[in-house]
Amino acid sequence: MKHFLISAAIAAMTMIAPAYAADVGVSVNVGEPGFYGRLDIGDFPHPQVLYRQPIAVRAVSMERQPIYLHVPPGQARHWRRHCGEYNACNERVYFVQDNWYNREYAPRYQELHRGRRNAGHDLRRDEDQGNRGGDRQENGHSHGNGHVQDH
């Protein structure tokens, strides 16, 4: 019986271990290779885009400026399936070409933001606040001392 329990425990651990190994927690910031998300074009050179016209999943006001996104290959083609991952279903979207992001945007972004990267905060998270319509303290979960608790 003891051998059976040990064997069962080992078998269970070998099935669970790969699930934990897959969640590595890698953080990729704007301007780094492998980053996908919203880009602030600002005064960067005009981006090379996948499609001439912005893509919209839903009817969108033409008064709003389109946004620029860098997405993995294939997601632009099936944008309706992926727009929610970027909180961009209600936006007109230009998809920047991967080579433009890697050759033009990323190096210049890193050069412009080199000092800020070590300022003790995650730039991608800070810039992502614009994607969610404000910081989390606006949702009523603030506890007064700068800490936010999820309920």
N, C-alpha and C. Protein backbone atom coordinates (compact mmCIF):
# COMPACT_ATOMS: atom_id res chain seq x y z
N MET A 1 0.82 -1.19 0.00
CA MET A 1 0.00 0.00 0.00
C MET A 1 0.86 1.26 0.00
N LYS A 2 1.96 1.20 0.79
CA LYS A 2 2.84 2.34 0.89
C LYS A 2 3.46 2.65 -0.48
N HIS A 3 3.88 1.62 -1.20
CA HIS A 3 4.47 1.81 -2.53
C HIS A 3 3.45 2.39 -3.51
N PHE A 4 2.20 1.96 -3.37
CA PHE A 4 1.14 2.48 -4.24
C PHE A 4 0.95 3.98 -4.02
N LEU A 5 0.91 4.41 -2.75
CA LEU A 5 0.72 5.82 -2.44
C LEU A 5 1.90 6.66 -2.94
N ILE A 6 3.10 6.16 -2.77
CA ILE A 6 4.28 6.88 -3.26
C ILE A 6 4.24 6.99 -4.78
N SER A 7 3.90 5.91 -5.44
CA SER A 7 3.80 5.93 -6.91
C SER A 7 2.72 6.89 -7.38
N ALA A 8 1.59 6.89 -6.70
CA ALA A 8 0.50 7.80 -7.07
C ALA A 8 0.91 9.25 -6.86
N ALA A 9 1.62 9.53 -5.78
CA ALA A 9 2.07 10.90 -5.51
C ALA A 9 3.07 11.36 -6.56
N ILE A 10 3.98 10.48 -6.94
CA ILE A 10 4.96 10.82 -7.98
C ILE A 10 4.27 11.05 -9.31
N ALA A 11 3.31 10.22 -9.64
CA ALA A 11 2.57 10.38 -10.89
C ALA A 11 1.81 11.70 -10.90
N ALA A 12 1.20 12.04 -9.79
CA ALA A 12 0.45 13.30 -9.70
C ALA A 12 1.38 14.49 -9.85
N MET A 13 2.55 14.42 -9.24
CA MET A 13 3.50 15.54 -9.33
C MET A 13 4.03 15.71 -10.74
N THR A 14 4.23 14.61 -11.46
CA THR A 14 4.73 14.74 -12.83
C THR A 14 3.68 15.35 -13.75
N MET A 15 2.41 15.21 -13.41
CA MET A 15 1.36 15.83 -14.22
C MET A 15 1.18 17.30 -13.86
N ILE A 16 1.39 17.65 -12.60
CA ILE A 16 1.20 19.02 -12.14
C ILE A 16 2.41 19.89 -12.46
N ALA A 17 3.60 19.36 -12.38
CA ALA A 17 4.83 20.13 -12.57
C ALA A 17 4.88 20.89 -13.89
N PRO A 18 4.52 20.27 -15.04
CA PRO A 18 4.57 21.03 -16.29
C PRO A 18 3.65 22.25 -16.28
N ALA A 19 2.53 22.18 -15.61
CA ALA A 19 1.63 23.33 -15.55
C ALA A 19 2.29 24.49 -14.81
N TYR A 20 3.00 24.20 -13.74
CA TYR A 20 3.70 25.26 -13.01
C TYR A 20 4.89 25.77 -13.80
N ALA A 21 5.57 24.91 -14.51
CA ALA A 21 6.74 25.32 -15.29
C ALA A 21 6.34 26.24 -16.43
N ALA A 22 5.13 26.09 -16.96
CA ALA A 22 4.70 26.92 -18.08
C ALA A 22 4.43 28.36 -17.65
N ASP A 23 4.12 28.59 -16.38
CA ASP A 23 3.84 29.94 -15.90
C ASP A 23 5.12 30.55 -15.36
N VAL A 24 5.96 31.06 -16.27
CA VAL A 24 7.27 31.54 -15.90
C VAL A 24 7.24 32.98 -15.40
N GLY A 25 6.24 33.75 -15.80
CA GLY A 25 6.13 35.13 -15.34
C GLY A 25 7.10 36.07 -16.01
N VAL A 26 7.35 35.91 -17.29
CA VAL A 26 8.26 36.78 -18.02
C VAL A 26 7.59 38.11 -18.30
N SER A 27 8.30 39.19 -18.05
CA SER A 27 7.77 40.53 -18.30
C SER A 27 8.52 41.16 -19.47
N VAL A 28 7.78 41.58 -20.48
CA VAL A 28 8.38 42.23 -21.64
C VAL A 28 7.81 43.63 -21.71
N ASN A 29 8.68 44.63 -21.83
CA ASN A 29 8.26 46.03 -21.83
C ASN A 29 8.19 46.60 -23.23
N VAL A 30 7.50 47.73 -23.35
CA VAL A 30 7.44 48.46 -24.62
C VAL A 30 8.86 48.73 -25.07
N GLY A 31 9.11 48.57 -26.35
CA GLY A 31 10.43 48.83 -26.90
C GLY A 31 11.35 47.63 -26.90
N GLU A 32 10.91 46.53 -26.30
CA GLU A 32 11.72 45.32 -26.28
C GLU A 32 11.18 44.35 -27.32
N PRO A 33 12.05 43.51 -27.87
CA PRO A 33 11.57 42.48 -28.79
C PRO A 33 10.56 41.59 -28.07
N GLY A 34 9.52 41.20 -28.75
CA GLY A 34 8.51 40.35 -28.16
C GLY A 34 7.38 41.09 -27.47
N PHE A 35 7.45 42.42 -27.42
CA PHE A 35 6.35 43.19 -26.83
C PHE A 35 5.23 43.31 -27.85
N TYR A 36 4.02 43.06 -27.41
CA TYR A 36 2.84 43.25 -28.25
C TYR A 36 1.87 44.12 -27.47
N GLY A 37 1.35 45.15 -28.14
CA GLY A 37 0.39 46.02 -27.49
C GLY A 37 0.34 47.38 -28.15
N ARG A 38 -0.23 48.34 -27.44
CA ARG A 38 -0.45 49.70 -27.95
C ARG A 38 0.86 50.47 -27.97
N LEU A 39 1.06 51.20 -29.05
CA LEU A 39 2.26 52.02 -29.21
C LEU A 39 1.87 53.48 -29.27
N ASP A 40 2.64 54.31 -28.60
CA ASP A 40 2.47 55.76 -28.70
C ASP A 40 3.41 56.22 -29.80
N ILE A 41 2.86 56.56 -30.96
CA ILE A 41 3.69 56.93 -32.11
C ILE A 41 4.33 58.29 -31.90
N GLY A 42 3.58 59.25 -31.35
CA GLY A 42 4.14 60.57 -31.07
C GLY A 42 4.90 61.13 -32.25
N ASP A 43 6.18 61.46 -32.04
CA ASP A 43 6.99 62.02 -33.13
C ASP A 43 7.90 60.98 -33.79
N PHE A 44 7.55 59.71 -33.64
CA PHE A 44 8.30 58.66 -34.33
C PHE A 44 8.04 58.77 -35.82
N PRO A 45 8.93 58.23 -36.65
CA PRO A 45 8.67 58.23 -38.09
C PRO A 45 7.36 57.51 -38.40
N HIS A 46 6.71 57.91 -39.47
CA HIS A 46 5.43 57.31 -39.86
C HIS A 46 5.58 55.79 -39.93
N PRO A 47 4.75 55.05 -39.20
CA PRO A 47 4.91 53.60 -39.15
C PRO A 47 4.50 52.90 -40.45
N GLN A 48 5.15 51.80 -40.72
CA GLN A 48 4.72 50.92 -41.80
C GLN A 48 3.62 50.05 -41.20
N VAL A 49 2.47 50.03 -41.86
CA VAL A 49 1.32 49.30 -41.33
C VAL A 49 0.94 48.14 -42.25
N LEU A 50 0.22 47.17 -41.70
CA LEU A 50 -0.20 46.00 -42.48
C LEU A 50 -1.29 46.34 -43.48
N TYR A 51 -2.24 47.22 -43.09
CA TYR A 51 -3.35 47.58 -43.97
C TYR A 51 -3.40 49.10 -44.10
N ARG A 52 -3.79 49.58 -45.28
CA ARG A 52 -3.84 51.02 -45.53
C ARG A 52 -4.86 51.74 -44.66
N GLN A 53 -5.98 51.11 -44.40
CA GLN A 53 -7.05 51.70 -43.60
C GLN A 53 -7.09 51.05 -42.22
N PRO A 54 -7.46 51.82 -41.20
CA PRO A 54 -7.58 51.21 -39.87
C PRO A 54 -8.72 50.19 -39.84
N ILE A 55 -8.57 49.19 -39.04
CA ILE A 55 -9.56 48.12 -38.89
C ILE A 55 -10.42 48.43 -37.66
N ALA A 56 -11.73 48.26 -37.80
CA ALA A 56 -12.64 48.45 -36.67
C ALA A 56 -13.58 47.25 -36.60
N VAL A 57 -13.71 46.68 -35.42
CA VAL A 57 -14.59 45.53 -35.22
C VAL A 57 -16.03 46.00 -35.10
N ARG A 58 -16.23 47.12 -34.41
CA ARG A 58 -17.57 47.69 -34.22
C ARG A 58 -17.61 49.08 -34.81
N ALA A 59 -18.81 49.63 -34.95
CA ALA A 59 -18.94 51.01 -35.43
C ALA A 59 -18.26 51.94 -34.43
N VAL A 60 -17.37 52.78 -34.94
CA VAL A 60 -16.56 53.65 -34.10
C VAL A 60 -16.68 55.08 -34.61
N SER A 61 -16.70 56.03 -33.70
CA SER A 61 -16.75 57.44 -34.07
C SER A 61 -15.50 57.81 -34.86
N MET A 62 -15.70 58.46 -35.97
CA MET A 62 -14.57 58.88 -36.80
C MET A 62 -13.81 60.04 -36.16
N GLU A 63 -14.37 60.64 -35.12
CA GLU A 63 -13.70 61.74 -34.42
C GLU A 63 -12.53 61.24 -33.59
N ARG A 64 -12.60 60.00 -33.14
CA ARG A 64 -11.50 59.43 -32.35
C ARG A 64 -10.36 59.06 -33.27
N GLN A 65 -9.16 59.38 -32.84
CA GLN A 65 -7.97 59.03 -33.61
C GLN A 65 -7.75 57.52 -33.55
N PRO A 66 -7.28 56.93 -34.64
CA PRO A 66 -6.96 55.50 -34.60
C PRO A 66 -5.77 55.25 -33.67
N ILE A 67 -5.66 54.04 -33.19
CA ILE A 67 -4.52 53.67 -32.35
C ILE A 67 -3.61 52.76 -33.17
N TYR A 68 -2.37 52.63 -32.73
CA TYR A 68 -1.39 51.77 -33.37
C TYR A 68 -1.07 50.62 -32.43
N LEU A 69 -1.12 49.41 -32.99
CA LEU A 69 -0.81 48.22 -32.19
C LEU A 69 0.24 47.38 -32.89
N HIS A 70 1.07 46.74 -32.08
CA HIS A 70 2.00 45.72 -32.56
C HIS A 70 1.45 44.41 -32.02
N VAL A 71 1.03 43.52 -32.91
CA VAL A 71 0.42 42.25 -32.50
C VAL A 71 1.17 41.08 -33.12
N PRO A 72 1.08 39.90 -32.52
CA PRO A 72 1.73 38.71 -33.08
C PRO A 72 1.17 38.38 -34.47
N PRO A 73 1.98 37.72 -35.28
CA PRO A 73 1.52 37.33 -36.62
C PRO A 73 0.21 36.56 -36.55
N GLY A 74 -0.72 36.89 -37.44
CA GLY A 74 -2.00 36.20 -37.52
C GLY A 74 -3.11 36.87 -36.74
N GLN A 75 -2.79 37.64 -35.71
CA GLN A 75 -3.85 38.25 -34.91
C GLN A 75 -4.55 39.37 -35.68
N ALA A 76 -3.84 40.11 -36.49
CA ALA A 76 -4.48 41.18 -37.26
C ALA A 76 -5.50 40.59 -38.24
N ARG A 77 -5.15 39.47 -38.83
CA ARG A 77 -6.04 38.82 -39.79
C ARG A 77 -7.34 38.36 -39.13
N HIS A 78 -7.25 37.96 -37.88
CA HIS A 78 -8.42 37.48 -37.14
C HIS A 78 -8.70 38.43 -35.97
N TRP A 79 -8.72 39.72 -36.27
CA TRP A 79 -8.79 40.74 -35.24
C TRP A 79 -10.03 40.62 -34.36
N ARG A 80 -11.15 40.24 -34.90
CA ARG A 80 -12.39 40.12 -34.13
C ARG A 80 -12.19 39.17 -32.93
N ARG A 81 -11.37 38.15 -33.10
CA ARG A 81 -11.11 37.18 -32.03
C ARG A 81 -10.17 37.74 -30.96
N HIS A 82 -9.31 38.69 -31.34
CA HIS A 82 -8.23 39.11 -30.45
C HIS A 82 -8.36 40.53 -29.90
N CYS A 83 -9.29 41.33 -30.41
CA CYS A 83 -9.35 42.74 -30.01
C CYS A 83 -9.55 42.92 -28.51
N GLY A 84 -10.26 42.01 -27.87
CA GLY A 84 -10.49 42.11 -26.43
C GLY A 84 -9.22 41.99 -25.61
N GLU A 85 -8.22 41.26 -26.11
CA GLU A 85 -6.96 41.10 -25.40
C GLU A 85 -6.22 42.43 -25.27
N TYR A 86 -6.53 43.37 -26.16
CA TYR A 86 -5.87 44.67 -26.18
C TYR A 86 -6.82 45.80 -25.79
N ASN A 87 -8.02 45.45 -25.34
CA ASN A 87 -9.04 46.44 -24.99
C ASN A 87 -9.23 47.41 -26.16
N ALA A 88 -9.33 46.88 -27.37
CA ALA A 88 -9.37 47.72 -28.56
C ALA A 88 -10.52 47.37 -29.50
N CYS A 89 -11.56 46.71 -29.02
CA CYS A 89 -12.68 46.36 -29.89
C CYS A 89 -13.48 47.59 -30.31
N ASN A 90 -13.41 48.66 -29.52
CA ASN A 90 -14.14 49.89 -29.84
C ASN A 90 -13.21 50.95 -30.42
N GLU A 91 -12.13 50.53 -31.02
CA GLU A 91 -11.14 51.45 -31.59
C GLU A 91 -10.92 51.15 -33.06
N ARG A 92 -10.51 52.19 -33.78
CA ARG A 92 -9.99 51.97 -35.13
C ARG A 92 -8.50 51.70 -34.95
N VAL A 93 -8.02 50.62 -35.56
CA VAL A 93 -6.66 50.15 -35.27
C VAL A 93 -5.82 50.03 -36.54
N TYR A 94 -4.62 50.60 -36.47
CA TYR A 94 -3.58 50.33 -37.45
C TYR A 94 -2.64 49.32 -36.83
N PHE A 95 -2.27 48.31 -37.58
CA PHE A 95 -1.32 47.30 -37.10
C PHE A 95 0.04 47.60 -37.71
N VAL A 96 1.02 47.85 -36.85
CA VAL A 96 2.36 48.16 -37.37
C VAL A 96 3.04 46.87 -37.78
N GLN A 97 3.86 46.98 -38.80
CA GLN A 97 4.61 45.82 -39.28
C GLN A 97 5.69 45.47 -38.26
N ASP A 98 5.93 44.19 -38.11
CA ASP A 98 6.91 43.69 -37.16
C ASP A 98 8.30 44.27 -37.44
N ASN A 99 8.70 44.31 -38.72
CA ASN A 99 10.04 44.81 -39.04
C ASN A 99 10.17 46.30 -38.69
N TRP A 100 9.10 47.10 -38.86
CA TRP A 100 9.15 48.51 -38.49
C TRP A 100 9.31 48.65 -36.97
N TYR A 101 8.55 47.86 -36.23
CA TYR A 101 8.65 47.90 -34.77
C TYR A 101 10.08 47.58 -34.32
N ASN A 102 10.65 46.50 -34.87
CA ASN A 102 11.98 46.05 -34.45
C ASN A 102 13.10 46.96 -34.91
N ARG A 103 12.99 47.53 -36.12
CA ARG A 103 14.08 48.36 -36.66
C ARG A 103 13.96 49.84 -36.31
N GLU A 104 12.74 50.36 -36.23
CA GLU A 104 12.55 51.79 -36.03
C GLU A 104 12.09 52.13 -34.60
N TYR A 105 10.98 51.54 -34.21
CA TYR A 105 10.33 51.94 -32.96
C TYR A 105 11.12 51.49 -31.73
N ALA A 106 11.40 50.20 -31.63
CA ALA A 106 12.03 49.66 -30.42
C ALA A 106 13.37 50.32 -30.10
N PRO A 107 14.30 50.42 -31.05
CA PRO A 107 15.59 51.05 -30.70
C PRO A 107 15.43 52.51 -30.27
N ARG A 108 14.60 53.26 -30.96
CA ARG A 108 14.42 54.67 -30.60
C ARG A 108 13.70 54.80 -29.26
N TYR A 109 12.71 53.98 -29.02
CA TYR A 109 12.00 54.01 -27.75
C TYR A 109 12.96 53.72 -26.60
N GLN A 110 13.80 52.70 -26.77
CA GLN A 110 14.76 52.36 -25.72
C GLN A 110 15.73 53.50 -25.47
N GLU A 111 16.17 54.14 -26.54
CA GLU A 111 17.10 55.26 -26.40
C GLU A 111 16.44 56.42 -25.65
N LEU A 112 15.20 56.74 -25.99
CA LEU A 112 14.50 57.85 -25.35
C LEU A 112 14.13 57.57 -23.90
N HIS A 113 13.91 56.31 -23.56
CA HIS A 113 13.42 55.96 -22.23
C HIS A 113 14.43 55.19 -21.39
N ARG A 114 15.68 55.21 -21.78
CA ARG A 114 16.71 54.43 -21.09
C ARG A 114 16.76 54.75 -19.60
N GLY A 115 16.75 56.01 -19.21
CA GLY A 115 16.82 56.39 -17.80
C GLY A 115 15.58 56.03 -17.02
N ARG A 116 14.42 56.08 -17.66
CA ARG A 116 13.16 55.78 -16.97
C ARG A 116 13.00 54.30 -16.67
N ARG A 117 13.64 53.43 -17.44
CA ARG A 117 13.45 52.00 -17.27
C ARG A 117 13.90 51.54 -15.88
N ASN A 118 14.86 52.24 -15.30
CA ASN A 118 15.36 51.83 -13.99
C ASN A 118 14.78 52.68 -12.87
N ALA A 119 13.69 53.36 -13.12
CA ALA A 119 13.12 54.28 -12.13
C ALA A 119 12.25 53.55 -11.10
N GLY A 120 12.28 52.24 -11.06
CA GLY A 120 11.55 51.50 -10.04
C GLY A 120 10.12 51.18 -10.38
N HIS A 121 9.74 51.28 -11.64
CA HIS A 121 8.38 50.90 -12.02
C HIS A 121 8.38 50.31 -13.41
N ASP A 122 7.33 49.62 -13.71
CA ASP A 122 7.19 48.92 -14.98
C ASP A 122 6.52 49.85 -15.98
N LEU A 123 7.28 50.28 -17.01
CA LEU A 123 6.75 51.23 -17.99
C LEU A 123 5.53 50.68 -18.71
N ARG A 124 5.56 49.40 -19.07
CA ARG A 124 4.43 48.84 -19.80
C ARG A 124 3.16 48.95 -18.96
N ARG A 125 3.28 48.68 -17.69
CA ARG A 125 2.12 48.75 -16.81
C ARG A 125 1.63 50.19 -16.71
N ASP A 126 2.56 51.16 -16.60
CA ASP A 126 2.16 52.56 -16.53
C ASP A 126 1.45 52.99 -17.79
N GLU A 127 1.99 52.62 -18.95
CA GLU A 127 1.38 53.02 -20.21
C GLU A 127 0.09 52.28 -20.45
N ASP A 128 -0.02 51.09 -19.90
CA ASP A 128 -1.22 50.29 -20.07
C ASP A 128 -2.41 50.90 -19.34
N GLN A 129 -2.15 51.78 -18.38
CA GLN A 129 -3.26 52.40 -17.66
C GLN A 129 -4.19 53.11 -18.63
N GLY A 130 -3.63 53.69 -19.69
CA GLY A 130 -4.46 54.36 -20.68
C GLY A 130 -5.38 53.39 -21.38
N ASN A 131 -4.99 52.14 -21.51
CA ASN A 131 -5.82 51.14 -22.17
C ASN A 131 -7.01 50.75 -21.32
N ARG A 132 -6.90 50.89 -20.00
CA ARG A 132 -7.98 50.46 -19.12
C ARG A 132 -8.84 51.62 -18.65
N GLY A 133 -8.55 52.81 -19.13
CA GLY A 133 -9.39 53.94 -18.76
C GLY A 133 -9.15 54.45 -17.35
N GLY A 134 -7.93 54.38 -16.86
CA GLY A 134 -7.63 54.94 -15.54
C GLY A 134 -7.02 53.90 -14.64
N ASP A 135 -6.58 54.36 -13.45
CA ASP A 135 -5.94 53.40 -12.57
C ASP A 135 -6.98 52.68 -11.73
N ARG A 136 -6.55 51.63 -11.09
CA ARG A 136 -7.46 50.74 -10.38
C ARG A 136 -8.08 51.40 -9.16
N GLN A 137 -7.49 52.46 -8.64
CA GLN A 137 -8.05 53.08 -7.45
C GLN A 137 -9.38 53.75 -7.74
N GLU A 138 -9.67 54.01 -8.99
CA GLU A 138 -10.94 54.62 -9.35
C GLU A 138 -12.11 53.65 -9.24
N ASN A 139 -11.83 52.37 -9.06
CA ASN A 139 -12.91 51.39 -9.06
C ASN A 139 -13.46 51.09 -7.66
N GLY A 140 -13.06 51.89 -6.67
CA GLY A 140 -13.63 51.73 -5.34
C GLY A 140 -12.91 50.74 -4.46
N HIS A 141 -11.76 50.23 -4.87
CA HIS A 141 -11.03 49.26 -4.06
C HIS A 141 -9.83 49.88 -3.37
N SER A 142 -9.72 51.19 -3.34
CA SER A 142 -8.59 51.84 -2.70
C SER A 142 -8.73 51.73 -1.19
N HIS A 143 -7.61 51.52 -0.52
CA HIS A 143 -7.63 51.40 0.93
C HIS A 143 -6.85 52.53 1.58
N GLY A 144 -6.67 53.65 0.87
CA GLY A 144 -6.17 54.87 1.45
C GLY A 144 -4.67 55.03 1.56
N ASN A 145 -3.90 53.99 1.59
CA ASN A 145 -2.46 54.13 1.79
C ASN A 145 -1.67 53.74 0.55
N GLY A 146 -2.26 53.88 -0.61
CA GLY A 146 -1.56 53.56 -1.84
C GLY A 146 -1.66 52.11 -2.24
N HIS A 147 -2.27 51.31 -1.41
CA HIS A 147 -2.41 49.89 -1.72
C HIS A 147 -3.81 49.62 -2.24
N VAL A 148 -3.90 48.74 -3.20
CA VAL A 148 -5.19 48.37 -3.77
C VAL A 148 -5.41 46.90 -3.47
N GLN A 149 -6.58 46.58 -3.01
CA GLN A 149 -6.89 45.19 -2.68
C GLN A 149 -8.01 44.72 -3.59
N ASP A 150 -7.79 43.58 -4.24
CA ASP A 150 -8.83 42.99 -5.08
C ASP A 150 -9.84 42.26 -4.19
N HIS A 151 -11.08 42.30 -4.60
CA HIS A 151 -12.14 41.61 -3.84
C HIS A 151 -12.73 40.52 -4.67
